[in-house]
Protein backbone atom coordinates (compact mmCIF):
# COMPACT_ATOMS: atom_id res chain seq x y z
CA ASP A 1 0.00 0.00 0.00
CA VAL A 2 1.12 3.57 -0.65
CA TRP A 3 0.42 7.08 0.60
CA VAL A 4 -0.14 10.33 -1.30
CA GLY A 5 0.04 13.78 0.28
CA THR A 6 0.42 17.37 -0.85
CA ASP A 7 3.75 17.55 1.01
CA GLY A 8 5.03 14.48 -0.83
CA ALA A 9 7.33 14.19 -3.83
CA ASP A 10 7.09 12.42 -7.17
CA GLU A 11 10.76 11.46 -7.31
CA THR A 12 12.23 8.08 -8.21
CA THR A 13 13.61 7.86 -4.67
CA THR A 14 10.23 8.50 -3.01
CA THR A 15 9.02 5.33 -1.30
CA GLY A 16 5.29 6.11 -1.01
CA THR A 17 5.19 5.33 2.70
CA GLU A 18 3.22 7.39 5.21
CA GLN A 19 6.50 9.14 6.17
CA ASP A 20 7.64 9.58 2.51
CA PRO A 21 4.45 9.96 0.43
CA PHE A 22 4.05 10.54 -3.28
CA LYS A 23 2.69 13.96 -4.27
CA THR A 24 0.15 12.92 -6.92
CA ILE A 25 -2.27 10.05 -7.35
CA ASP A 26 -1.21 9.81 -11.00
CA HIS A 27 2.40 9.13 -9.96
CA ALA A 28 1.32 6.60 -7.33
CA MET A 29 -0.69 4.73 -9.98
CA SER A 30 2.42 4.52 -12.17
CA ARG A 31 4.44 2.94 -9.35
CA ILE A 32 2.08 0.18 -8.22
CA TYR A 33 0.58 -3.04 -9.49
CA GLY A 34 -2.19 -4.75 -7.57
CA THR A 35 -3.51 -8.24 -8.20
CA ALA A 36 -6.79 -9.94 -7.37
CA ASN A 37 -5.09 -11.68 -4.44
CA ASN A 38 -3.12 -8.62 -3.37
CA PRO A 39 -4.98 -5.36 -4.11
CA ILE A 40 -3.12 -2.11 -3.44
CA THR A 41 -4.62 0.78 -1.47
CA ILE A 42 -3.64 4.35 -2.24
CA SER A 43 -4.27 6.24 1.01
CA LEU A 44 -4.74 10.00 0.69
CA PHE A 45 -3.90 12.45 3.45
CA GLY A 46 -6.60 15.01 4.21
CA SER A 47 -6.00 17.78 1.67
CA THR A 48 -7.15 19.11 -1.70
CA TYR A 49 -5.68 17.34 -4.72
CA ALA A 50 -5.98 19.66 -7.73
CA PRO A 51 -3.93 20.89 -10.69
CA SER A 52 -3.20 24.17 -8.86
CA THR A 53 -2.14 22.58 -5.54
CA THR A 54 -0.35 19.33 -6.41
CA GLY A 55 -0.18 19.31 -10.20
CA GLU A 56 -2.63 16.38 -10.20
CA VAL A 57 -3.63 15.22 -13.68
CA PHE A 58 -7.34 14.58 -14.30
CA PRO A 59 -9.15 12.37 -14.89
CA ILE A 60 -7.58 10.01 -12.39
CA ARG A 61 -7.58 6.67 -14.20
CA ILE A 62 -8.27 3.89 -11.73
CA ILE A 63 -6.94 0.44 -12.63
CA SER A 64 -8.11 -2.98 -11.44
CA ASN A 65 -7.14 -4.11 -7.94
CA VAL A 66 -6.45 -0.58 -6.69
CA ASN A 67 -8.38 1.14 -3.90
CA LEU A 68 -8.48 4.91 -3.39
CA ILE A 69 -9.18 5.83 0.23
CA GLY A 70 -9.27 9.33 1.71
CA GLN A 71 -9.36 10.52 5.32
CA GLY A 72 -12.93 11.86 5.14
CA GLU A 73 -15.31 13.66 2.83
CA GLU A 74 -14.75 16.98 4.57
CA ILE A 75 -10.95 16.89 4.36
CA THR A 76 -9.89 14.78 1.35
CA ILE A 77 -10.99 16.53 -1.83
CA LEU A 78 -10.32 15.64 -5.46
CA ASP A 79 -10.89 18.88 -7.41
CA ALA A 80 -10.35 18.69 -11.18
CA GLU A 81 -10.80 22.48 -11.44
CA GLU A 82 -12.76 21.88 -14.68
CA THR A 83 -9.71 20.43 -16.48
CA GLY A 84 -11.53 17.13 -17.14
CA GLY A 85 -13.55 14.48 -15.38
CA VAL A 86 -12.41 13.57 -11.88
CA ILE A 87 -12.32 9.74 -11.87
CA LYS A 88 -12.43 7.36 -14.82
CA MET A 89 -12.72 3.58 -14.54
CA VAL A 90 -12.79 1.36 -17.63
CA ASP A 91 -12.90 -2.46 -17.40
CA CYS A 92 -11.91 -2.44 -13.72
CA GLN A 93 -12.55 -5.04 -11.05
CA ASN A 94 -11.84 -5.30 -7.33
CA ASN A 95 -11.88 -1.58 -6.45
CA ILE A 96 -12.98 0.47 -3.44
CA ILE A 97 -13.26 4.26 -3.53
CA SER A 98 -14.15 5.88 -0.23
CA HIS A 99 -13.94 8.74 2.25
CA LEU A 100 -13.47 11.69 -0.10
CA THR A 101 -15.18 14.46 -2.06
CA ILE A 102 -15.22 14.58 -5.87
CA THR A 103 -15.71 18.05 -7.34
CA GLY A 104 -14.82 20.36 -10.22
CA GLY A 105 -15.23 17.72 -12.91
CA PHE A 106 -15.95 18.79 -16.49
CA ALA A 107 -16.90 16.28 -19.21
CA PHE A 108 -17.87 17.51 -22.67
CA GLY A 109 -16.99 16.61 -26.24
CA GLU A 110 -17.58 13.38 -28.13
CA TRP A 111 -18.76 10.16 -26.49
CA PRO A 112 -17.51 8.89 -24.06
CA ASN A 113 -15.74 12.09 -22.97
CA ASN A 114 -19.09 13.87 -22.45
CA ARG A 115 -20.19 11.59 -19.59
CA GLY A 116 -19.38 11.50 -15.90
CA GLY A 117 -17.97 14.83 -14.79
CA GLY A 118 -17.43 13.40 -11.31
CA MET A 119 -17.08 9.70 -12.08
CA TYR A 120 -17.17 7.79 -15.37
CA ILE A 121 -17.56 4.06 -14.71
CA TYR A 122 -17.56 1.72 -17.74
CA LYS A 123 -17.74 -2.08 -17.43
CA SER A 124 -16.57 -1.83 -13.82
CA ASN A 125 -18.12 -2.81 -10.49
CA PRO A 126 -16.51 -0.76 -7.73
CA ILE A 127 -17.59 -0.34 -4.13
CA ILE A 128 -18.14 3.39 -3.59
CA SER A 129 -18.77 4.55 -0.03
CA HIS A 130 -18.67 7.69 2.09
CA ILE A 131 -18.30 9.92 -0.96
CA THR A 132 -19.64 13.39 -1.73
CA ILE A 133 -19.99 14.20 -5.43
CA SER A 134 -20.79 17.86 -6.00
CA GLU A 135 -20.34 20.77 -8.41
CA ASN A 136 -19.45 18.73 -11.49
CA THR A 137 -20.70 19.36 -15.05
CA ALA A 138 -21.13 17.14 -18.09
CA ALA A 139 -23.42 16.57 -21.03
CA TYR A 140 -24.66 13.32 -19.41
CA GLY A 141 -24.32 12.18 -15.82
CA SER A 142 -22.50 15.16 -14.42
CA GLY A 143 -22.18 13.55 -10.98
CA MET A 144 -21.75 9.91 -12.00
CA SER A 145 -22.12 7.95 -15.21
CA PHE A 146 -22.44 4.15 -15.13
CA ILE A 147 -22.39 2.19 -18.39
CA TYR A 148 -22.52 -1.63 -18.30
CA SER A 149 -21.59 -1.40 -14.61
CA ASN A 150 -22.99 -2.61 -11.30
CA PRO A 151 -21.37 -0.58 -8.52
CA ILE A 152 -22.24 -0.88 -4.85
CA LEU A 153 -23.04 2.58 -3.44
CA THR A 154 -23.31 3.29 0.29
CA HIS A 155 -23.34 6.67 2.01
CA VAL A 156 -22.98 8.60 -1.26
CA THR A 157 -24.18 12.21 -1.46
CA ILE A 158 -24.75 13.62 -4.94
CA SER A 159 -25.64 17.31 -5.08
CA GLU A 160 -25.29 20.53 -7.11
CA ASN A 161 -24.15 18.82 -10.33
CA THR A 162 -25.28 20.18 -13.70
CA ALA A 163 -25.93 18.16 -16.86
CA GLU A 164 -26.39 19.77 -20.25
CA ARG A 165 -28.67 16.98 -21.49
CA SER A 166 -29.61 14.40 -18.85
CA GLY A 167 -28.56 12.82 -15.59
CA GLY A 168 -27.56 15.81 -13.50
CA GLY A 169 -26.87 13.55 -10.56
CA MET A 170 -26.49 10.15 -12.18
CA TYR A 171 -26.70 8.62 -15.63
CA ILE A 172 -27.14 4.85 -15.94
CA SER A 173 -27.06 2.96 -19.23
CA LYS A 174 -26.76 -0.64 -20.31
CA SER A 175 -26.00 0.44 -23.86
């Protein structure tokens, strides 16, 4: 398991421990490889992860067998600052995303880039819990967009998201 914090560094010598965290989630993803028998958890310190604060690149592309866990919805914030969607999952299995806020997502353009300002979930079945999804925009599913997916949602608050066409809070499609 690895840690990410705004006081961390994305250097080749950084170990990703709680005492020596990576700076960005994107860099942490490039340094890990989880398996079905040994999933990896990326733990986030309570802070705002955004292009202007950490240089975070959005959308954050989650891969199979990786969990993304914050310290709490009020203190761990993923803010895309309208540079793209916040989280994107395609063909992923064995994932947990919890204890954080997802905001500032922006998803427009051609399909599929116009879906899921906050979260775009395609052919994936994550467990999503203790999450706030707010102030995201997209053509479809500005808060969350699920296509061919069966996530488990618990303690999820979706509010103040704006869709140009449909699914301001959530867009669900099997096609």
